[in-house]
Amino acid sequence: MITLEQVLLLEQKVESAVEKISQLQAENDALRTKCSELTNSLSSKTEQLSSLEQDQSKIEDGILKALDRLNAIENSVLKAGSAPSSAKQQTAEKPATEKSAAPRAAAPSDAGQFDIF
């Protein structure tokens, strides 16, 4: 036969189990809420990362275009600067050759005339 003490002990165990189940349910709800928050945060961070990658790509493209423009400007400046200077070099070289050739050729007939630059 079941005694009153056994029934009271069973009642305590049932109440303890119900209390533990209640605690576990509350903890489960809190974990589910946290999981949902983290999932939303991850989704948001993934969107931000995607946006930043697109922005970085645009920035890199802009920098490359700017560098190309600077190179084009530099090349045009160098071409513009080198064209007159090479013409000046050619002009400067011609009189030097003419100077050395002129006195020799002119020396026998025009002994007193020399080109001075």
Protein backbone atom coordinates (compact mmCIF):
# COMPACT_ATOMS: atom_id res chain seq x y z
CA MET A 1 0.00 0.00 0.00
CA ILE A 2 1.12 3.59 -0.72
CA THR A 3 1.79 5.70 2.28
CA LEU A 4 1.16 9.40 2.78
CA GLU A 5 4.92 10.01 2.96
CA GLN A 6 5.40 8.45 -0.48
CA VAL A 7 2.66 10.64 -1.94
CA LEU A 8 4.19 13.77 -0.39
CA LEU A 9 7.64 12.80 -1.74
CA LEU A 10 6.17 12.21 -5.21
CA GLU A 11 4.40 15.57 -5.01
CA GLN A 12 7.71 17.31 -4.15
CA LYS A 13 9.48 15.60 -7.06
CA VAL A 14 6.69 16.58 -9.45
CA GLU A 15 6.80 20.20 -8.26
CA SER A 16 10.59 20.20 -8.61
CA ALA A 17 10.34 18.78 -12.13
CA VAL A 18 7.64 21.34 -13.09
CA GLU A 19 9.84 24.15 -11.73
CA LYS A 20 12.89 22.85 -13.60
CA ILE A 21 10.85 22.55 -16.83
CA SER A 22 9.64 26.12 -16.36
CA GLN A 23 13.23 27.35 -15.91
CA LEU A 24 14.40 25.44 -18.99
CA GLN A 25 11.54 26.88 -21.05
CA ALA A 26 12.47 30.42 -19.98
CA GLU A 27 16.12 29.74 -20.81
CA ASN A 28 15.09 28.25 -24.17
CA ASP A 29 13.00 31.35 -24.98
CA ALA A 30 15.91 33.63 -24.05
CA LEU A 31 18.30 31.59 -26.24
CA ARG A 32 15.87 31.67 -29.17
CA THR A 33 15.53 35.45 -28.81
CA LYS A 34 19.32 35.83 -28.68
CA CYS A 35 19.69 33.55 -31.72
CA SER A 36 17.18 35.65 -33.62
CA GLU A 37 18.98 38.87 -32.67
CA LEU A 38 22.33 37.42 -33.76
CA THR A 39 20.86 36.21 -37.04
CA ASN A 40 19.46 39.67 -37.74
CA SER A 41 22.79 41.24 -36.78
CA LEU A 42 24.66 38.85 -39.05
CA SER A 43 22.33 39.69 -41.92
CA SER A 44 22.83 43.40 -41.31
CA LYS A 45 26.63 43.02 -41.12
CA THR A 46 26.63 40.96 -44.32
CA GLU A 47 24.74 43.75 -46.10
CA GLN A 48 27.18 46.33 -44.73
CA LEU A 49 30.13 44.23 -45.88
CA SER A 50 28.65 43.91 -49.35
CA SER A 51 28.07 47.65 -49.49
CA LEU A 52 31.62 48.37 -48.30
CA GLU A 53 33.06 45.99 -50.88
CA GLN A 54 31.11 47.76 -53.62
CA ASP A 55 32.28 51.14 -52.31
CA GLN A 56 35.87 49.88 -52.15
CA SER A 57 35.61 48.68 -55.74
CA LYS A 58 34.29 52.09 -56.83
CA ILE A 59 37.06 53.85 -54.90
CA GLU A 60 39.73 51.62 -56.47
CA ASP A 61 38.29 52.30 -59.93
CA GLY A 62 38.30 56.03 -59.22
CA ILE A 63 41.91 55.93 -58.04
CA LEU A 64 42.96 53.95 -61.11
CA LYS A 65 41.20 56.43 -63.41
CA ALA A 66 42.86 59.34 -61.60
CA LEU A 67 46.26 57.66 -61.95
CA ASP A 68 45.62 57.08 -65.65
CA ARG A 69 44.72 60.75 -66.07
CA LEU A 70 47.85 61.81 -64.19
CA ASN A 71 49.96 59.52 -66.37
CA ALA A 72 48.37 60.97 -69.50
CA ILE A 73 49.02 64.51 -68.27
CA GLU A 74 52.58 63.61 -67.32
CA ASN A 75 53.18 62.05 -70.73
CA SER A 76 51.78 65.07 -72.55
CA VAL A 77 53.88 67.42 -70.42
CA LEU A 78 56.97 65.34 -71.06
CA LYS A 79 56.26 65.23 -74.80
CA ALA A 80 55.62 68.98 -74.89
CA GLY A 81 58.73 69.61 -72.84
CA SER A 82 60.95 67.24 -74.80
CA ALA A 83 59.91 68.42 -78.28
CA PRO A 84 61.27 71.98 -77.89
CA SER A 85 64.28 70.82 -75.94
CA SER A 86 65.21 68.23 -78.56
CA ALA A 87 64.72 70.92 -81.23
CA LYS A 88 66.97 73.16 -79.16
CA GLN A 89 69.51 70.34 -78.93
CA GLN A 90 69.44 69.84 -82.68
CA THR A 91 69.82 73.58 -83.25
CA ALA A 92 72.63 73.72 -80.72
CA GLU A 93 74.36 70.74 -82.36
CA LYS A 94 74.17 72.22 -85.88
CA PRO A 95 76.10 75.40 -85.08
CA ALA A 96 78.70 73.37 -83.21
CA THR A 97 79.27 71.23 -86.28
CA GLU A 98 79.11 74.25 -88.52
CA LYS A 99 81.63 76.07 -86.32
CA SER A 100 84.14 73.30 -86.57
CA ALA A 101 83.55 72.80 -90.30
CA ALA A 102 83.25 76.47 -91.24
CA PRO A 103 86.72 77.68 -90.20
CA ARG A 104 88.41 74.82 -91.97
CA ALA A 105 86.47 75.32 -95.16
CA ALA A 106 86.63 79.11 -94.95
CA ALA A 107 90.19 79.31 -93.77
CA PRO A 108 91.95 79.07 -97.13
CA SER A 109 89.75 81.63 -98.91
CA ASP A 110 88.49 83.81 -96.04
CA ALA A 111 91.26 83.65 -93.48
CA GLY A 112 89.91 86.54 -91.41
CA GLN A 113 86.25 85.52 -91.19
CA PHE A 114 84.89 83.22 -88.46
CA ASP A 115 81.34 82.73 -87.30
CA ILE A 116 80.85 83.70 -83.69
CA PHE A 117 77.81 82.56 -81.81
